[in-house]
Amino acid sequence: MLKEEAREKVSHVVTRPGRKHGDADVQIPVAEALTTVPGIPLKEEDVAFYSRVYPIESQNIEKAADREWVWTVYTEDILKYRTRHDELNEPLVSAAAVSGNIEPTATAEQGVDLTEMIRLKGRELGFGEVGFTKFDHKYAYASKKRWVKYEHTICLALEQDYAQTQSIPSLNAEFAHFGTYEIEGALALDLADYIRSLGYHAQVHSPNDNSGAYIPMFVAAGLGQLGANGQLLSPHFGSRARLAMITTDAPITYDEPIDYGIHQFCQECQVCVNRCPGRALVKQKVWWRGAEKNKLIYERCRPVMARYDGCGICMKVCPIQKYGMPVVMKYYVETGGEILGKNTDNLEGFEFDDGTYFGPGQLPQFDRQFFEIPHGTKSDWLFEQFKDKLNDNMPSTEEIMDFAVELKKIVDEGHTTRGDE
């Protein structure tokens, strides 16, 4: 038995639905030492300023150069699997893109709040978290701001396989990663059909064609808080989930943000920061675009992700992902502020595909060239490749024609994106 004086005082207890539909509710004790604010610390004026003057853009557009580059460094197994995944996923993404235009299939019953009916249906379909909030256009991508048709947002988190995730980084873990997107894309379309059967519109925001930064809206819906790894930490599975949204005109009641104690917990834990192979996570929080957060250094993350089976070690070594928030927070309270699993191989150990194992305090070493990746859009990447050819020798007529064809395709894609607004 632990001595009573070793315990942390509890500020409040958060009660959440069980991990799966039909499971009993769980309780999460939040220590006084971890209490900060519900949601994310924000400077609303700064968030509004950046949204207006420097709006964020999808990585599919803004960082398309390195998204093309990764295909050149994938292992043969990952390349084959990603190709197949994209083939399976494309119809789901396309269906989501036009889902907002589909009319309801029934006449709505007026005056009925549908929040709990939709939440129940989402849970029955298999979503681990279902929450409701307003679509916040300050977090919409520049290319999608006018694409979003409806005001109310249903936030959906689908858990990915536990055992496969613990094998990060590996091909098996990528099966869980991309396979969950395929399942979630289909389930979101099913939930949208259900909403239409209640007499309302439903627009699916695909997990593979995001309309904006999802995490702030998930936090506003009370489904977790932003972790030091830059991911949403939800009660049952931490960041071991894939996120999608549905916007609708159905009458719903918004949920409220919750203080799970994550902001301060992450500052004390720091396991993901210490274990990141690329040293891409920053220990101290900064104010970034109006939000207080641990800022990820993208250029140090992406090269590791590309070459080491999607990496994801920041997910694997998070105690919230590994053990669940109720267990971790109870342990923190009962031990007087200890982090469950910290400095142990059980939580912090990982192995690369060449068999090299890294225990607590051990990290791989990479040279400067390892982190050199292309920057910018697809056209930026195309021009860089073409300039390399010019440096070597004058490209052939065929190569120049190929360059022109690729450039026209990129320009046409840009027109299509703007047309979707």
Protein backbone atom coordinates (compact mmCIF):
# COMPACT_ATOMS: atom_id res chain seq x y z
CA MET A 1 0.00 0.00 0.00
CA LEU A 2 1.24 3.50 -0.83
CA LYS A 3 1.40 5.96 2.01
CA GLU A 4 -1.38 8.51 1.88
CA GLU A 5 1.11 11.41 2.05
CA ALA A 6 2.71 10.21 -1.21
CA ARG A 7 -0.50 10.76 -3.13
CA GLU A 8 -1.21 13.80 -5.27
CA LYS A 9 -4.31 15.81 -4.46
CA VAL A 10 -7.05 15.39 -7.05
CA SER A 11 -8.47 18.53 -8.64
CA HIS A 12 -11.35 16.90 -10.49
CA VAL A 13 -12.48 13.59 -11.95
CA VAL A 14 -13.44 13.28 -15.62
CA THR A 15 -16.06 10.66 -16.49
CA ARG A 16 -16.03 9.36 -20.06
CA PRO A 17 -17.85 6.60 -21.98
CA GLY A 18 -16.06 3.25 -22.09
CA ARG A 19 -13.59 2.37 -24.82
CA LYS A 20 -16.16 0.51 -26.90
CA HIS A 21 -19.92 0.74 -27.24
CA GLY A 22 -21.51 -1.05 -24.29
CA ASP A 23 -18.45 -0.74 -22.02
CA ALA A 24 -18.92 0.87 -18.61
CA ASP A 25 -17.96 4.53 -18.14
CA VAL A 26 -14.41 5.22 -16.94
CA GLN A 27 -13.16 7.82 -14.47
CA ILE A 28 -9.97 9.82 -14.90
CA PRO A 29 -8.58 11.54 -11.78
CA VAL A 30 -6.75 14.77 -12.65
CA ALA A 31 -4.16 15.82 -10.07
CA GLU A 32 -4.08 19.43 -8.87
CA ALA A 33 -0.46 19.61 -10.05
CA LEU A 34 -1.60 18.86 -13.63
CA THR A 35 -4.57 21.21 -13.82
CA THR A 36 -4.28 24.00 -16.40
CA VAL A 37 -7.15 24.95 -18.71
CA PRO A 38 -9.78 23.03 -20.70
CA GLY A 39 -8.94 22.71 -24.36
CA ILE A 40 -5.80 24.42 -25.67
CA PRO A 41 -4.30 27.67 -24.29
CA LEU A 42 -5.09 30.23 -26.99
CA LYS A 43 -4.70 33.88 -27.85
CA GLU A 44 -7.90 34.21 -29.86
CA GLU A 45 -6.86 37.48 -31.52
CA ASP A 46 -3.65 35.91 -32.78
CA VAL A 47 -5.46 32.82 -34.05
CA ALA A 48 -7.87 35.08 -35.98
CA PHE A 49 -5.01 37.22 -37.33
CA TYR A 50 -3.02 34.30 -38.72
CA SER A 51 -6.15 32.72 -40.17
CA ARG A 52 -6.98 35.93 -41.98
CA VAL A 53 -3.51 37.03 -43.13
CA TYR A 54 -1.53 33.76 -43.27
CA PRO A 55 -4.11 30.94 -43.61
CA ILE A 56 -2.87 27.41 -43.21
CA GLU A 57 -2.84 25.04 -46.17
CA SER A 58 -3.05 21.28 -46.55
CA GLN A 59 0.21 19.34 -46.66
CA ASN A 60 -1.21 17.77 -49.83
CA ILE A 61 -0.61 21.16 -51.45
CA GLU A 62 1.89 23.12 -49.37
CA LYS A 63 4.32 20.21 -48.86
CA ALA A 64 3.49 18.21 -51.98
CA ALA A 65 7.17 18.17 -53.00
CA ASP A 66 8.23 15.94 -50.14
CA ARG A 67 5.04 13.90 -50.47
CA GLU A 68 6.23 13.06 -53.99
CA TRP A 69 9.81 12.53 -52.78
CA VAL A 70 8.90 9.91 -50.17
CA TRP A 71 7.93 7.48 -52.93
CA THR A 72 11.57 7.54 -54.09
CA VAL A 73 12.92 6.39 -50.69
CA TYR A 74 10.25 3.91 -49.59
CA THR A 75 11.30 0.31 -49.07
CA GLU A 76 9.93 -2.11 -51.66
CA ASP A 77 7.36 -3.51 -49.21
CA ILE A 78 6.08 -0.09 -48.17
CA LEU A 79 5.94 1.05 -51.78
CA LYS A 80 3.83 -1.96 -52.76
CA TYR A 81 1.51 -1.55 -49.76
CA ARG A 82 1.06 2.23 -50.18
CA THR A 83 0.20 1.76 -53.86
CA ARG A 84 -2.50 -0.77 -52.96
CA HIS A 85 -3.81 1.42 -50.13
CA ASP A 86 -4.17 4.41 -52.43
CA GLU A 87 -6.12 2.29 -54.91
CA LEU A 88 -8.52 1.14 -52.17
CA ASN A 89 -8.81 4.54 -50.56
CA GLU A 90 -9.39 6.69 -53.65
CA PRO A 91 -13.12 5.84 -54.04
CA LEU A 92 -13.68 6.71 -50.35
CA VAL A 93 -11.94 10.07 -50.70
CA SER A 94 -13.88 10.83 -53.89
CA ALA A 95 -17.21 9.91 -52.27
CA ALA A 96 -16.43 12.15 -49.29
CA ALA A 97 -15.54 15.06 -51.59
CA VAL A 98 -19.08 15.22 -53.01
CA SER A 99 -21.01 13.99 -49.97
CA GLY A 100 -22.18 17.47 -48.99
CA ASN A 101 -24.22 17.71 -52.20
CA ILE A 102 -26.36 14.65 -51.47
CA GLU A 103 -29.91 15.43 -50.38
CA PRO A 104 -31.54 13.89 -47.27
CA THR A 105 -33.49 10.68 -47.86
CA ALA A 106 -36.30 11.46 -45.40
CA THR A 107 -38.26 14.39 -44.00
CA ALA A 108 -36.84 15.76 -40.77
CA GLU A 109 -38.87 15.65 -37.57
CA GLN A 110 -38.83 19.24 -36.38
CA GLY A 111 -37.74 20.24 -32.88
CA VAL A 112 -35.76 17.07 -32.12
CA ASP A 113 -32.16 17.35 -30.92
CA LEU A 114 -30.24 14.55 -32.66
CA THR A 115 -27.00 14.72 -30.64
CA GLU A 116 -27.38 11.49 -28.70
CA MET A 117 -28.93 9.57 -31.60
CA ILE A 118 -25.93 10.41 -33.79
CA ARG A 119 -23.46 9.74 -30.97
CA LEU A 120 -25.05 6.34 -30.33
CA LYS A 121 -24.98 5.43 -34.03
CA GLY A 122 -21.33 6.49 -34.28
CA ARG A 123 -20.43 4.31 -31.32
CA GLU A 124 -22.41 1.37 -32.72
CA LEU A 125 -20.49 1.69 -35.98
CA GLY A 126 -17.23 1.38 -34.03
CA PHE A 127 -15.96 4.91 -33.46
CA GLY A 128 -14.17 5.14 -30.11
CA GLU A 129 -14.84 8.85 -29.69
CA VAL A 130 -17.77 10.91 -30.98
CA GLY A 131 -18.04 14.61 -30.11
CA PHE A 132 -19.84 17.72 -31.31
CA THR A 133 -18.72 21.29 -31.88
CA LYS A 134 -18.94 24.16 -34.37
CA PHE A 135 -16.80 24.06 -37.49
CA ASP A 136 -14.16 26.69 -36.81
CA HIS A 137 -13.21 28.31 -40.12
CA LYS A 138 -10.08 29.78 -38.52
CA TYR A 139 -8.60 26.28 -38.82
CA ALA A 140 -9.83 25.60 -42.36
CA TYR A 141 -7.24 25.16 -45.08
CA ALA A 142 -7.05 28.00 -47.61
CA SER A 143 -8.11 25.70 -50.45
CA LYS A 144 -11.08 24.35 -48.46
CA LYS A 145 -12.54 27.42 -46.72
CA ARG A 146 -15.53 27.64 -49.07
CA TRP A 147 -15.86 23.88 -49.51
CA VAL A 148 -17.38 23.38 -46.05
CA LYS A 149 -21.16 23.63 -46.38
CA TYR A 150 -22.57 23.12 -42.89
CA GLU A 151 -21.97 24.67 -39.49
CA HIS A 152 -22.13 21.78 -37.04
CA THR A 153 -19.22 19.35 -36.72
CA ILE A 154 -19.22 15.72 -35.63
CA CYS A 155 -15.70 14.67 -34.58
CA LEU A 156 -14.93 10.98 -35.02
CA ALA A 157 -11.91 9.02 -33.78
CA LEU A 158 -11.36 5.40 -34.81
CA GLU A 159 -8.87 3.36 -32.79
CA GLN A 160 -6.17 1.47 -34.67
CA ASP A 161 -5.01 -1.99 -33.66
CA TYR A 162 -3.12 -2.02 -30.34
CA ALA A 163 -0.68 -4.87 -30.96
CA GLN A 164 0.31 -3.70 -34.43
CA THR A 165 0.90 -0.17 -33.12
CA GLN A 166 3.32 -1.44 -30.48
CA SER A 167 5.51 -2.82 -33.29
CA ILE A 168 6.27 0.73 -34.52
CA PRO A 169 8.28 1.33 -36.68
CA SER A 170 7.33 -1.60 -38.93
CA LEU A 171 5.36 -2.60 -41.99
CA ASN A 172 2.90 -4.29 -39.65
CA ALA A 173 2.30 -0.96 -37.90
CA GLU A 174 1.70 0.68 -41.27
CA PHE A 175 -0.99 -1.94 -41.94
CA ALA A 176 -2.73 -0.60 -38.81
CA HIS A 177 -2.10 3.03 -39.78
CA PHE A 178 -3.39 2.98 -43.36
CA GLY A 179 -5.86 0.14 -42.82
CA THR A 180 -7.65 2.19 -40.17
CA TYR A 181 -8.04 5.05 -42.65
CA GLU A 182 -9.74 2.67 -45.09
CA ILE A 183 -12.18 1.43 -42.45
CA GLU A 184 -12.84 4.92 -41.11
CA GLY A 185 -13.51 6.39 -44.54
CA ALA A 186 -16.22 3.78 -45.15
CA LEU A 187 -17.75 4.14 -41.66
CA ALA A 188 -17.95 7.93 -41.99
CA LEU A 189 -19.90 7.52 -45.24
CA ASP A 190 -22.24 5.10 -43.43
CA LEU A 191 -22.82 7.59 -40.60
CA ALA A 192 -23.51 10.32 -43.17
CA ASP A 193 -26.16 8.07 -44.76
CA TYR A 194 -27.75 7.63 -41.34
CA ILE A 195 -27.92 11.41 -40.81
CA ARG A 196 -29.57 11.83 -44.20
CA SER A 197 -32.12 9.19 -43.18
CA LEU A 198 -33.05 11.54 -40.31
CA GLY A 199 -33.76 14.31 -42.80
CA TYR A 200 -30.54 16.33 -42.78
CA HIS A 201 -27.44 16.91 -44.89
CA ALA A 202 -24.07 15.36 -44.00
CA GLN A 203 -20.69 16.28 -45.49
CA VAL A 204 -17.85 13.83 -44.85
CA HIS A 205 -14.40 15.33 -44.24
CA SER A 206 -12.15 12.47 -45.25
CA PRO A 207 -9.25 11.50 -42.98
CA ASN A 208 -7.12 11.46 -46.15
CA ASP A 209 -8.25 14.78 -47.60
CA ASN A 210 -8.52 17.00 -44.55
CA SER A 211 -10.46 20.25 -44.75
CA GLY A 212 -8.40 21.85 -42.00
CA ALA A 213 -6.54 21.30 -38.75
CA TYR A 214 -8.79 18.76 -37.06
CA ILE A 215 -7.23 18.63 -33.58
CA PRO A 216 -8.45 22.06 -32.32
CA MET A 217 -12.03 21.03 -33.11
CA PHE A 218 -11.62 17.63 -31.46
CA VAL A 219 -10.31 19.38 -28.37
CA ALA A 220 -13.26 21.81 -28.46
CA ALA A 221 -15.55 18.76 -28.55
CA GLY A 222 -13.98 17.40 -25.34
CA LEU A 223 -12.33 14.37 -26.94
CA GLY A 224 -8.82 14.96 -25.61
CA GLN A 225 -6.02 17.50 -25.49
CA LEU A 226 -2.99 18.33 -27.61
CA GLY A 227 0.06 16.28 -26.59
CA ALA A 228 3.74 17.19 -26.72
CA ASN A 229 4.01 14.91 -29.78
CA GLY A 230 1.67 17.22 -31.69
CA GLN A 231 -1.11 14.64 -31.65
CA LEU A 232 -4.53 14.42 -30.02
CA LEU A 233 -4.34 12.44 -26.79
CA SER A 234 -7.75 10.87 -26.18
CA PRO A 235 -8.70 9.05 -22.96
CA HIS A 236 -8.61 5.42 -24.11
CA PHE A 237 -6.07 5.27 -26.92
CA GLY A 238 -4.07 8.49 -26.78
CA SER A 239 -2.90 9.21 -30.34
CA ARG A 240 -3.50 5.61 -31.48
CA ALA A 241 -6.45 6.70 -33.61
CA ARG A 242 -7.32 8.24 -36.96
CA LEU A 243 -9.51 11.32 -37.14
CA ALA A 244 -12.37 12.24 -39.46
CA MET A 245 -15.24 14.72 -39.31
CA ILE A 246 -18.74 15.20 -40.63
CA THR A 247 -20.36 18.61 -40.93
CA THR A 248 -24.14 18.75 -40.90
CA ASP A 249 -27.19 20.98 -40.59
CA ALA A 250 -28.81 18.51 -38.17
CA PRO A 251 -29.80 20.10 -34.82
CA ILE A 252 -27.19 19.10 -32.24
CA THR A 253 -25.83 20.35 -28.91
CA TYR A 254 -22.13 21.12 -28.70
CA ASP A 255 -19.85 19.38 -26.19
CA GLU A 256 -17.41 21.35 -24.05
CA PRO A 257 -13.58 21.21 -23.90
CA ILE A 258 -12.17 19.32 -20.92
CA ASP A 259 -9.00 19.65 -18.88
CA TYR A 260 -7.61 16.11 -18.74
CA GLY A 261 -4.34 17.39 -17.25
CA ILE A 262 -2.46 16.63 -20.47
CA HIS A 263 -0.73 20.00 -20.95
CA GLN A 264 1.23 19.80 -17.71
CA PHE A 265 1.53 16.01 -17.79
CA CYS A 266 3.35 16.15 -21.12
CA GLN A 267 5.76 18.77 -19.79
CA GLU A 268 6.67 16.44 -16.94
CA CYS A 269 6.68 13.25 -19.02
CA GLN A 270 8.76 14.29 -22.09
CA VAL A 271 9.22 10.66 -23.17
CA CYS A 272 8.22 11.37 -26.79
CA VAL A 273 10.57 14.37 -26.88
CA ASN A 274 13.48 12.30 -25.56
CA ARG A 275 12.85 9.26 -27.77
CA CYS A 276 12.25 10.94 -31.16
CA PRO A 277 14.92 9.53 -33.54
CA GLY A 278 15.00 12.72 -35.60
CA ARG A 279 15.04 15.05 -32.56
CA ALA A 280 11.98 16.70 -34.13
CA LEU A 281 10.11 17.45 -30.91
CA VAL A 282 10.90 20.52 -28.82
CA LYS A 283 10.91 20.31 -25.03
CA GLN A 284 9.70 23.83 -24.26
CA LYS A 285 6.31 25.09 -25.35
CA VAL A 286 6.08 28.11 -27.65
CA TRP A 287 3.27 30.30 -28.93
CA TRP A 288 2.60 29.34 -32.54
CA ARG A 289 -0.15 30.98 -34.59
CA GLY A 290 -1.93 31.89 -31.36
CA ALA A 291 -1.73 28.48 -29.66
CA GLU A 292 0.65 27.34 -26.92
CA LYS A 293 2.22 24.05 -27.93
CA ASN A 294 5.33 21.91 -28.28
CA LYS A 295 6.23 22.74 -31.88
CA LEU A 296 7.21 19.90 -34.17
CA ILE A 297 10.19 20.50 -36.49
CA TYR A 298 8.75 19.02 -39.68
CA GLU A 299 12.05 18.85 -41.57
CA ARG A 300 13.54 16.60 -38.88
CA CYS A 301 10.49 14.36 -38.72
CA ARG A 302 9.71 13.70 -42.37
CA PRO A 303 13.03 12.08 -43.44
CA VAL A 304 12.76 9.52 -40.62
CA MET A 305 9.11 8.79 -41.37
CA ALA A 306 9.88 8.22 -45.04
CA ARG A 307 12.81 5.85 -44.52
CA TYR A 308 11.73 3.94 -41.40
CA ASP A 309 8.27 2.48 -42.02
CA GLY A 310 6.33 5.63 -41.20
CA CYS A 311 8.22 5.93 -37.89
CA GLY A 312 5.51 6.92 -35.33
CA ILE A 313 7.81 6.35 -32.34
CA CYS A 314 6.33 9.47 -30.71
CA MET A 315 3.01 7.58 -30.71
CA LYS A 316 4.47 4.27 -29.52
CA VAL A 317 6.34 5.68 -26.51
CA CYS A 318 3.46 7.82 -25.20
CA PRO A 319 2.19 6.30 -21.93
CA ILE A 320 -1.35 7.51 -22.70
CA GLN A 321 -1.28 5.46 -25.91
CA LYS A 322 0.34 2.47 -24.25
CA TYR A 323 -1.64 2.21 -21.02
CA GLY A 324 -4.66 4.52 -21.40
CA MET A 325 -5.39 7.79 -19.64
CA PRO A 326 -7.38 6.36 -16.67
CA VAL A 327 -4.51 4.06 -15.67
CA VAL A 328 -1.76 6.62 -16.24
CA MET A 329 -3.50 9.41 -14.35
CA LYS A 330 -4.44 7.14 -11.44
CA TYR A 331 -0.81 5.99 -11.20
CA TYR A 332 0.35 9.63 -11.20
CA VAL A 333 -1.97 10.43 -8.30
CA GLU A 334 -1.16 7.33 -6.26
CA THR A 335 2.64 7.59 -6.65
CA GLY A 336 2.89 11.30 -5.93
CA GLY A 337 3.63 12.35 -9.49
CA GLU A 338 5.43 9.48 -11.24
CA ILE A 339 5.03 8.77 -14.98
CA LEU A 340 3.99 5.18 -15.65
CA GLY A 341 6.59 3.36 -17.78
CA LYS A 342 9.12 6.19 -18.00
CA ASN A 343 12.75 5.02 -18.34
CA THR A 344 11.65 1.41 -18.97
CA ASP A 345 12.17 -0.73 -22.07
CA ASN A 346 8.50 -1.69 -21.94
CA LEU A 347 7.51 1.87 -22.87
CA GLU A 348 10.58 3.44 -24.44
CA GLY A 349 12.29 0.65 -26.39
CA PHE A 350 12.02 0.42 -30.17
CA GLU A 351 13.70 -1.50 -32.98
CA PHE A 352 14.51 -0.55 -36.57
CA ASP A 353 13.91 -3.02 -39.39
CA ASP A 354 17.63 -3.86 -39.56
CA GLY A 355 17.35 -5.36 -36.08
CA THR A 356 19.05 -2.48 -34.23
CA TYR A 357 17.40 -1.98 -30.83
CA PHE A 358 17.32 1.33 -28.98
CA GLY A 359 16.56 1.25 -25.27
CA PRO A 360 16.00 4.20 -22.92
CA GLY A 361 18.65 6.87 -23.53
CA GLN A 362 19.76 5.34 -26.84
CA LEU A 363 19.04 6.99 -30.20
CA PRO A 364 20.23 6.50 -33.79
CA GLN A 365 22.64 9.01 -35.36
CA PHE A 366 22.01 10.61 -38.77
CA ASP A 367 24.25 12.89 -40.82
CA ARG A 368 23.23 16.28 -42.20
CA GLN A 369 22.52 14.94 -45.68
CA PHE A 370 19.91 12.55 -44.24
CA PHE A 371 17.67 15.53 -43.44
CA GLU A 372 17.83 17.14 -46.87
CA ILE A 373 14.38 16.87 -48.41
CA PRO A 374 12.63 18.86 -51.16
CA HIS A 375 10.43 21.75 -50.04
CA GLY A 376 7.29 23.34 -51.36
CA THR A 377 4.68 22.31 -53.91
CA LYS A 378 4.70 19.74 -56.70
CA SER A 379 5.81 22.39 -59.19
CA ASP A 380 8.71 23.32 -56.88
CA TRP A 381 9.78 19.66 -56.81
CA LEU A 382 9.42 19.35 -60.57
CA PHE A 383 11.56 22.45 -61.19
CA GLU A 384 14.25 21.15 -58.81
CA GLN A 385 14.44 17.87 -60.71
CA PHE A 386 14.57 19.72 -64.03
CA LYS A 387 17.35 22.03 -62.79
CA ASP A 388 19.36 18.97 -61.75
CA LYS A 389 19.08 17.68 -65.31
CA LEU A 390 20.25 21.06 -66.62
CA ASN A 391 23.26 20.97 -64.33
CA ASP A 392 24.23 17.55 -65.68
CA ASN A 393 23.65 18.28 -69.37
CA MET A 394 21.07 19.69 -71.72
CA PRO A 395 17.85 17.64 -71.42
CA SER A 396 16.62 15.86 -74.51
CA THR A 397 13.56 17.02 -76.42
CA GLU A 398 11.65 14.10 -74.93
CA GLU A 399 12.62 15.10 -71.38
CA ILE A 400 11.58 18.71 -72.03
CA MET A 401 8.22 17.52 -73.35
CA ASP A 402 7.76 15.27 -70.30
CA PHE A 403 8.49 18.28 -68.09
CA ALA A 404 5.87 20.36 -69.93
CA VAL A 405 3.25 17.62 -69.59
CA GLU A 406 3.88 17.22 -65.85
CA LEU A 407 3.77 20.98 -65.31
CA LYS A 408 0.44 21.27 -67.15
CA LYS A 409 -0.97 18.44 -65.04
CA ILE A 410 0.06 20.29 -61.85
CA VAL A 411 -1.47 23.55 -63.09
CA ASP A 412 -4.72 21.74 -63.97
CA GLU A 413 -4.81 20.17 -60.50
CA GLY A 414 -4.47 23.66 -59.03
CA HIS A 415 -7.44 24.90 -61.06
CA THR A 416 -9.49 21.91 -59.91
CA THR A 417 -8.67 22.63 -56.26
CA ARG A 418 -9.68 26.26 -56.58
CA GLY A 419 -12.84 25.22 -58.40
CA ASP A 420 -13.83 23.04 -55.41
CA GLU A 421 -13.88 26.10 -53.17
